Amino acid sequence: GKSDNNNIYSYTNYKEKEYIKKEKEEENELKNEKEEFEKFRCAYPGIKRGLDTEFENFRKKHKDYREVLPRLLPLIKERIRWVNSQQSIGIFVPQYPNLRTWINQRRWEEETPKNIYFD
């Protein structure tokens, strides 16, 4: 009778609310990831494209982008310090590649030498 219809309606309503809630959570997660990526993108010294383009490329190219993301900023900062230390004593260091190249080639996996020489 009438109560059956109410149960179906409330169940559908519940499922819809759950779906919307899940969508909102994913949206927020993506927003946070994008903000984190933007901090890295701004710090990156090479030529780069806009945030949306670079972030989408990063997500598409690497299935493990969520694990990699928190490591990008610390790694590029470490690399910049090393490059600056080398240049300050006259050692040639190649230019930073375009950000897209750096991302596509997983350059964050390159080890930055620990031996920093200072005068």
N, C-alpha and C. Protein backbone atom coordinates (compact mmCIF):
# COMPACT_ATOMS: atom_id res chain seq x y z
N GLY A 1 0.80 -1.19 0.00
CA GLY A 1 0.00 0.00 0.00
C GLY A 1 0.84 1.25 0.00
N LYS A 2 0.35 2.21 0.73
CA LYS A 2 0.93 3.56 0.73
C LYS A 2 2.33 3.59 1.35
N SER A 3 2.54 2.81 2.42
CA SER A 3 3.84 2.84 3.11
C SER A 3 4.96 2.29 2.23
N ASP A 4 4.66 1.34 1.34
CA ASP A 4 5.67 0.81 0.42
C ASP A 4 6.23 1.90 -0.49
N ASN A 5 5.34 2.72 -1.01
CA ASN A 5 5.76 3.83 -1.87
C ASN A 5 6.66 4.80 -1.12
N ASN A 6 6.31 5.06 0.12
CA ASN A 6 7.12 5.97 0.95
C ASN A 6 8.52 5.41 1.17
N ASN A 7 8.59 4.08 1.41
CA ASN A 7 9.89 3.44 1.62
C ASN A 7 10.76 3.55 0.37
N ILE A 8 10.16 3.28 -0.78
CA ILE A 8 10.91 3.37 -2.05
C ILE A 8 11.38 4.80 -2.25
N TYR A 9 10.48 5.76 -2.01
CA TYR A 9 10.82 7.18 -2.19
C TYR A 9 11.95 7.59 -1.25
N SER A 10 11.85 7.21 0.02
CA SER A 10 12.88 7.62 0.98
C SER A 10 14.21 6.94 0.69
N TYR A 11 14.15 5.67 0.21
CA TYR A 11 15.39 4.97 -0.16
C TYR A 11 16.06 5.67 -1.36
N THR A 12 15.25 6.01 -2.37
CA THR A 12 15.77 6.71 -3.55
C THR A 12 16.35 8.06 -3.13
N ASN A 13 15.63 8.74 -2.29
CA ASN A 13 16.09 10.03 -1.77
C ASN A 13 17.42 9.89 -1.04
N TYR A 14 17.50 8.85 -0.20
CA TYR A 14 18.72 8.58 0.57
C TYR A 14 19.89 8.31 -0.38
N LYS A 15 19.67 7.45 -1.39
CA LYS A 15 20.72 7.10 -2.35
C LYS A 15 21.19 8.35 -3.10
N GLU A 16 20.25 9.18 -3.48
CA GLU A 16 20.56 10.41 -4.21
C GLU A 16 21.40 11.34 -3.33
N LYS A 17 21.02 11.47 -2.07
CA LYS A 17 21.77 12.32 -1.12
C LYS A 17 23.19 11.78 -0.92
N GLU A 18 23.30 10.44 -0.80
CA GLU A 18 24.62 9.81 -0.64
C GLU A 18 25.50 10.09 -1.85
N TYR A 19 24.89 9.98 -3.04
CA TYR A 19 25.61 10.21 -4.29
C TYR A 19 26.10 11.65 -4.37
N ILE A 20 25.22 12.57 -4.03
CA ILE A 20 25.57 14.01 -4.04
C ILE A 20 26.68 14.29 -3.03
N LYS A 21 26.56 13.66 -1.85
CA LYS A 21 27.57 13.83 -0.81
C LYS A 21 28.93 13.32 -1.29
N LYS A 22 28.94 12.14 -1.92
CA LYS A 22 30.17 11.55 -2.45
C LYS A 22 30.77 12.45 -3.54
N GLU A 23 29.91 12.98 -4.40
CA GLU A 23 30.35 13.88 -5.47
C GLU A 23 31.02 15.13 -4.90
N LYS A 24 30.39 15.68 -3.86
CA LYS A 24 30.93 16.88 -3.19
C LYS A 24 32.30 16.60 -2.57
N GLU A 25 32.43 15.42 -1.93
CA GLU A 25 33.70 15.03 -1.31
C GLU A 25 34.80 14.91 -2.37
N GLU A 26 34.46 14.27 -3.50
CA GLU A 26 35.43 14.12 -4.58
C GLU A 26 35.82 15.48 -5.16
N GLU A 27 34.83 16.35 -5.28
CA GLU A 27 35.06 17.71 -5.77
C GLU A 27 36.03 18.46 -4.85
N ASN A 28 35.81 18.35 -3.54
CA ASN A 28 36.68 19.01 -2.56
C ASN A 28 38.08 18.44 -2.59
N GLU A 29 38.17 17.11 -2.72
CA GLU A 29 39.47 16.44 -2.78
C GLU A 29 40.26 16.93 -4.00
N LEU A 30 39.57 17.01 -5.13
CA LEU A 30 40.19 17.49 -6.36
C LEU A 30 40.65 18.94 -6.21
N LYS A 31 39.82 19.75 -5.57
CA LYS A 31 40.15 21.16 -5.33
C LYS A 31 41.42 21.26 -4.47
N ASN A 32 41.50 20.44 -3.43
CA ASN A 32 42.68 20.44 -2.55
C ASN A 32 43.93 19.97 -3.30
N GLU A 33 43.77 18.94 -4.12
CA GLU A 33 44.90 18.44 -4.90
C GLU A 33 45.39 19.51 -5.87
N LYS A 34 44.44 20.19 -6.48
CA LYS A 34 44.78 21.24 -7.45
C LYS A 34 45.53 22.37 -6.76
N GLU A 35 45.09 22.74 -5.54
CA GLU A 35 45.77 23.80 -4.77
C GLU A 35 47.19 23.38 -4.42
N GLU A 36 47.35 22.13 -4.03
CA GLU A 36 48.67 21.60 -3.69
C GLU A 36 49.58 21.59 -4.93
N PHE A 37 49.02 21.18 -6.05
CA PHE A 37 49.77 21.17 -7.31
C PHE A 37 50.16 22.58 -7.71
N GLU A 38 49.28 23.53 -7.48
CA GLU A 38 49.55 24.93 -7.86
C GLU A 38 50.73 25.50 -7.08
N LYS A 39 50.87 25.12 -5.82
CA LYS A 39 52.04 25.58 -5.03
C LYS A 39 53.32 25.08 -5.69
N PHE A 40 53.30 23.83 -6.10
CA PHE A 40 54.45 23.26 -6.80
C PHE A 40 54.67 23.96 -8.14
N ARG A 41 53.60 24.12 -8.92
CA ARG A 41 53.68 24.72 -10.26
C ARG A 41 54.28 26.12 -10.17
N CYS A 42 53.87 26.89 -9.18
CA CYS A 42 54.39 28.26 -9.01
C CYS A 42 55.88 28.25 -8.66
N ALA A 43 56.30 27.24 -7.91
CA ALA A 43 57.70 27.15 -7.48
C ALA A 43 58.60 26.64 -8.61
N TYR A 44 58.02 25.94 -9.57
CA TYR A 44 58.81 25.33 -10.64
C TYR A 44 59.44 26.41 -11.52
N PRO A 45 60.79 26.39 -11.67
CA PRO A 45 61.49 27.47 -12.35
C PRO A 45 61.42 27.44 -13.89
N GLY A 46 61.07 26.30 -14.47
CA GLY A 46 61.06 26.20 -15.94
C GLY A 46 59.80 26.78 -16.56
N ILE A 47 59.73 26.70 -17.87
CA ILE A 47 58.56 27.17 -18.60
C ILE A 47 57.38 26.26 -18.28
N LYS A 48 56.23 26.87 -18.06
CA LYS A 48 55.05 26.08 -17.71
C LYS A 48 53.81 26.68 -18.34
N ARG A 49 52.80 25.85 -18.46
CA ARG A 49 51.49 26.30 -18.96
C ARG A 49 50.61 26.61 -17.76
N GLY A 50 49.34 26.89 -18.04
CA GLY A 50 48.38 27.21 -16.98
C GLY A 50 48.11 26.05 -16.05
N LEU A 51 47.57 26.36 -14.90
CA LEU A 51 47.29 25.37 -13.86
C LEU A 51 46.43 24.22 -14.38
N ASP A 52 45.30 24.53 -15.01
CA ASP A 52 44.39 23.47 -15.45
C ASP A 52 45.08 22.51 -16.41
N THR A 53 45.79 23.05 -17.38
CA THR A 53 46.48 22.24 -18.40
C THR A 53 47.52 21.33 -17.75
N GLU A 54 48.36 21.89 -16.90
CA GLU A 54 49.44 21.12 -16.27
C GLU A 54 48.88 20.07 -15.30
N PHE A 55 47.88 20.45 -14.55
CA PHE A 55 47.29 19.53 -13.56
C PHE A 55 46.60 18.36 -14.25
N GLU A 56 45.83 18.65 -15.30
CA GLU A 56 45.15 17.59 -16.05
C GLU A 56 46.16 16.62 -16.66
N ASN A 57 47.23 17.16 -17.23
CA ASN A 57 48.28 16.33 -17.81
C ASN A 57 48.90 15.42 -16.75
N PHE A 58 49.20 15.99 -15.59
CA PHE A 58 49.78 15.24 -14.47
C PHE A 58 48.86 14.09 -14.06
N ARG A 59 47.56 14.37 -13.92
CA ARG A 59 46.59 13.34 -13.51
C ARG A 59 46.43 12.26 -14.57
N LYS A 60 46.41 12.65 -15.84
CA LYS A 60 46.22 11.69 -16.93
C LYS A 60 47.42 10.79 -17.11
N LYS A 61 48.62 11.35 -16.99
CA LYS A 61 49.86 10.63 -17.30
C LYS A 61 50.22 9.60 -16.24
N HIS A 62 49.86 9.89 -14.99
CA HIS A 62 50.37 9.05 -13.89
C HIS A 62 49.24 8.59 -12.97
N LYS A 63 49.00 7.29 -12.99
CA LYS A 63 47.94 6.69 -12.16
C LYS A 63 48.22 6.92 -10.67
N ASP A 64 49.50 7.04 -10.32
CA ASP A 64 49.89 7.20 -8.91
C ASP A 64 50.03 8.68 -8.52
N TYR A 65 49.37 9.56 -9.26
CA TYR A 65 49.56 11.00 -9.01
C TYR A 65 49.24 11.41 -7.57
N ARG A 66 48.29 10.71 -6.95
CA ARG A 66 47.93 11.07 -5.56
C ARG A 66 49.08 10.82 -4.58
N GLU A 67 49.83 9.76 -4.82
CA GLU A 67 50.98 9.45 -3.94
C GLU A 67 52.13 10.42 -4.22
N VAL A 68 52.28 10.79 -5.48
CA VAL A 68 53.39 11.64 -5.91
C VAL A 68 53.19 13.10 -5.48
N LEU A 69 51.96 13.55 -5.56
CA LEU A 69 51.63 14.97 -5.34
C LEU A 69 52.29 15.63 -4.12
N PRO A 70 52.20 15.04 -2.92
CA PRO A 70 52.80 15.71 -1.76
C PRO A 70 54.32 15.81 -1.82
N ARG A 71 54.95 15.01 -2.68
CA ARG A 71 56.42 15.02 -2.77
C ARG A 71 56.96 16.08 -3.72
N LEU A 72 56.10 16.59 -4.63
CA LEU A 72 56.58 17.48 -5.68
C LEU A 72 57.23 18.77 -5.16
N LEU A 73 56.54 19.48 -4.28
CA LEU A 73 57.07 20.76 -3.80
C LEU A 73 58.38 20.59 -3.04
N PRO A 74 58.46 19.68 -2.05
CA PRO A 74 59.75 19.49 -1.35
C PRO A 74 60.88 19.09 -2.31
N LEU A 75 60.58 18.24 -3.29
CA LEU A 75 61.61 17.79 -4.23
C LEU A 75 62.11 18.92 -5.12
N ILE A 76 61.20 19.75 -5.60
CA ILE A 76 61.64 20.84 -6.49
C ILE A 76 62.40 21.89 -5.69
N LYS A 77 62.01 22.11 -4.44
CA LYS A 77 62.75 23.06 -3.59
C LYS A 77 64.18 22.57 -3.36
N GLU A 78 64.31 21.27 -3.11
CA GLU A 78 65.62 20.67 -2.90
C GLU A 78 66.47 20.81 -4.17
N ARG A 79 65.84 20.57 -5.31
CA ARG A 79 66.54 20.68 -6.60
C ARG A 79 67.00 22.12 -6.85
N ILE A 80 66.14 23.07 -6.58
CA ILE A 80 66.48 24.49 -6.77
C ILE A 80 67.67 24.88 -5.89
N ARG A 81 67.66 24.44 -4.64
CA ARG A 81 68.79 24.72 -3.73
C ARG A 81 70.08 24.15 -4.30
N TRP A 82 70.02 22.92 -4.78
CA TRP A 82 71.21 22.27 -5.33
C TRP A 82 71.71 23.02 -6.57
N VAL A 83 70.80 23.32 -7.50
CA VAL A 83 71.17 24.04 -8.72
C VAL A 83 71.80 25.38 -8.37
N ASN A 84 71.19 26.11 -7.45
CA ASN A 84 71.74 27.41 -7.04
C ASN A 84 73.13 27.28 -6.43
N SER A 85 73.33 26.23 -5.63
CA SER A 85 74.64 26.03 -5.00
C SER A 85 75.70 25.73 -6.06
N GLN A 86 75.34 24.95 -7.08
CA GLN A 86 76.28 24.62 -8.15
C GLN A 86 76.61 25.86 -8.97
N GLN A 87 75.58 26.61 -9.33
CA GLN A 87 75.77 27.82 -10.14
C GLN A 87 76.59 28.87 -9.40
N SER A 88 76.40 28.93 -8.08
CA SER A 88 77.11 29.96 -7.30
C SER A 88 78.62 29.74 -7.29
N ILE A 89 79.06 28.50 -7.59
CA ILE A 89 80.50 28.26 -7.67
C ILE A 89 80.94 28.00 -9.11
N GLY A 90 80.08 28.40 -10.05
CA GLY A 90 80.47 28.37 -11.46
C GLY A 90 80.33 27.04 -12.17
N ILE A 91 79.61 26.12 -11.58
CA ILE A 91 79.40 24.83 -12.24
C ILE A 91 78.16 24.93 -13.13
N PHE A 92 78.30 24.50 -14.38
CA PHE A 92 77.18 24.55 -15.30
C PHE A 92 76.13 23.51 -14.94
N VAL A 93 74.89 23.95 -14.90
CA VAL A 93 73.77 23.04 -14.66
C VAL A 93 72.76 23.30 -15.78
N PRO A 94 72.30 22.25 -16.46
CA PRO A 94 71.33 22.46 -17.55
C PRO A 94 70.06 23.16 -17.05
N GLN A 95 69.41 23.85 -17.97
CA GLN A 95 68.16 24.54 -17.62
C GLN A 95 67.09 23.52 -17.25
N TYR A 96 66.11 24.01 -16.51
CA TYR A 96 64.95 23.16 -16.18
C TYR A 96 64.16 22.94 -17.46
N PRO A 97 63.71 21.70 -17.69
CA PRO A 97 62.87 21.46 -18.88
C PRO A 97 61.50 22.10 -18.67
N ASN A 98 60.71 22.13 -19.74
CA ASN A 98 59.31 22.56 -19.58
C ASN A 98 58.67 21.67 -18.53
N LEU A 99 57.74 22.23 -17.79
CA LEU A 99 57.08 21.47 -16.72
C LEU A 99 56.42 20.20 -17.27
N ARG A 100 55.81 20.30 -18.44
CA ARG A 100 55.15 19.13 -19.05
C ARG A 100 56.16 17.99 -19.25
N THR A 101 57.35 18.31 -19.74
CA THR A 101 58.41 17.32 -19.95
C THR A 101 58.83 16.73 -18.60
N TRP A 102 59.03 17.61 -17.62
CA TRP A 102 59.44 17.18 -16.28
C TRP A 102 58.44 16.19 -15.71
N ILE A 103 57.15 16.48 -15.91
CA ILE A 103 56.09 15.61 -15.42
C ILE A 103 56.01 14.32 -16.23
N ASN A 104 56.00 14.44 -17.55
CA ASN A 104 55.84 13.26 -18.40
C ASN A 104 56.98 12.27 -18.21
N GLN A 105 58.19 12.77 -17.97
CA GLN A 105 59.36 11.91 -17.79
C GLN A 105 59.61 11.53 -16.33
N ARG A 106 58.66 11.85 -15.47
CA ARG A 106 58.77 11.53 -14.03
C ARG A 106 60.11 11.99 -13.46
N ARG A 107 60.48 13.21 -13.77
CA ARG A 107 61.78 13.73 -13.35
C ARG A 107 61.90 13.86 -11.83
N TRP A 108 60.79 13.85 -11.12
CA TRP A 108 60.88 13.91 -9.65
C TRP A 108 61.59 12.68 -9.11
N GLU A 109 61.71 11.64 -9.94
CA GLU A 109 62.41 10.42 -9.51
C GLU A 109 63.93 10.56 -9.61
N GLU A 110 64.40 11.61 -10.30
CA GLU A 110 65.85 11.84 -10.38
C GLU A 110 66.35 12.21 -9.00
N GLU A 111 67.43 11.59 -8.62
CA GLU A 111 68.00 11.93 -7.32
C GLU A 111 68.82 13.20 -7.43
N THR A 112 68.58 14.11 -6.51
CA THR A 112 69.40 15.30 -6.42
C THR A 112 70.65 14.92 -5.64
N PRO A 113 71.84 15.19 -6.22
CA PRO A 113 73.07 14.83 -5.49
C PRO A 113 73.10 15.49 -4.11
N LYS A 114 73.61 14.75 -3.15
CA LYS A 114 73.67 15.27 -1.79
C LYS A 114 74.91 16.14 -1.57
N ASN A 115 75.93 15.92 -2.44
CA ASN A 115 77.16 16.68 -2.25
C ASN A 115 76.99 18.10 -2.79
N ILE A 116 76.79 19.02 -1.89
CA ILE A 116 76.68 20.43 -2.26
C ILE A 116 78.01 21.10 -1.94
N TYR A 117 78.64 21.62 -2.98
CA TYR A 117 79.95 22.26 -2.77
C TYR A 117 79.77 23.75 -2.62
N PHE A 118 80.38 24.29 -1.60
CA PHE A 118 80.40 25.74 -1.41
C PHE A 118 81.84 26.20 -1.35
N ASP A 119 82.09 27.40 -1.76
CA ASP A 119 83.45 27.97 -1.66
C ASP A 119 83.81 28.21 -0.20
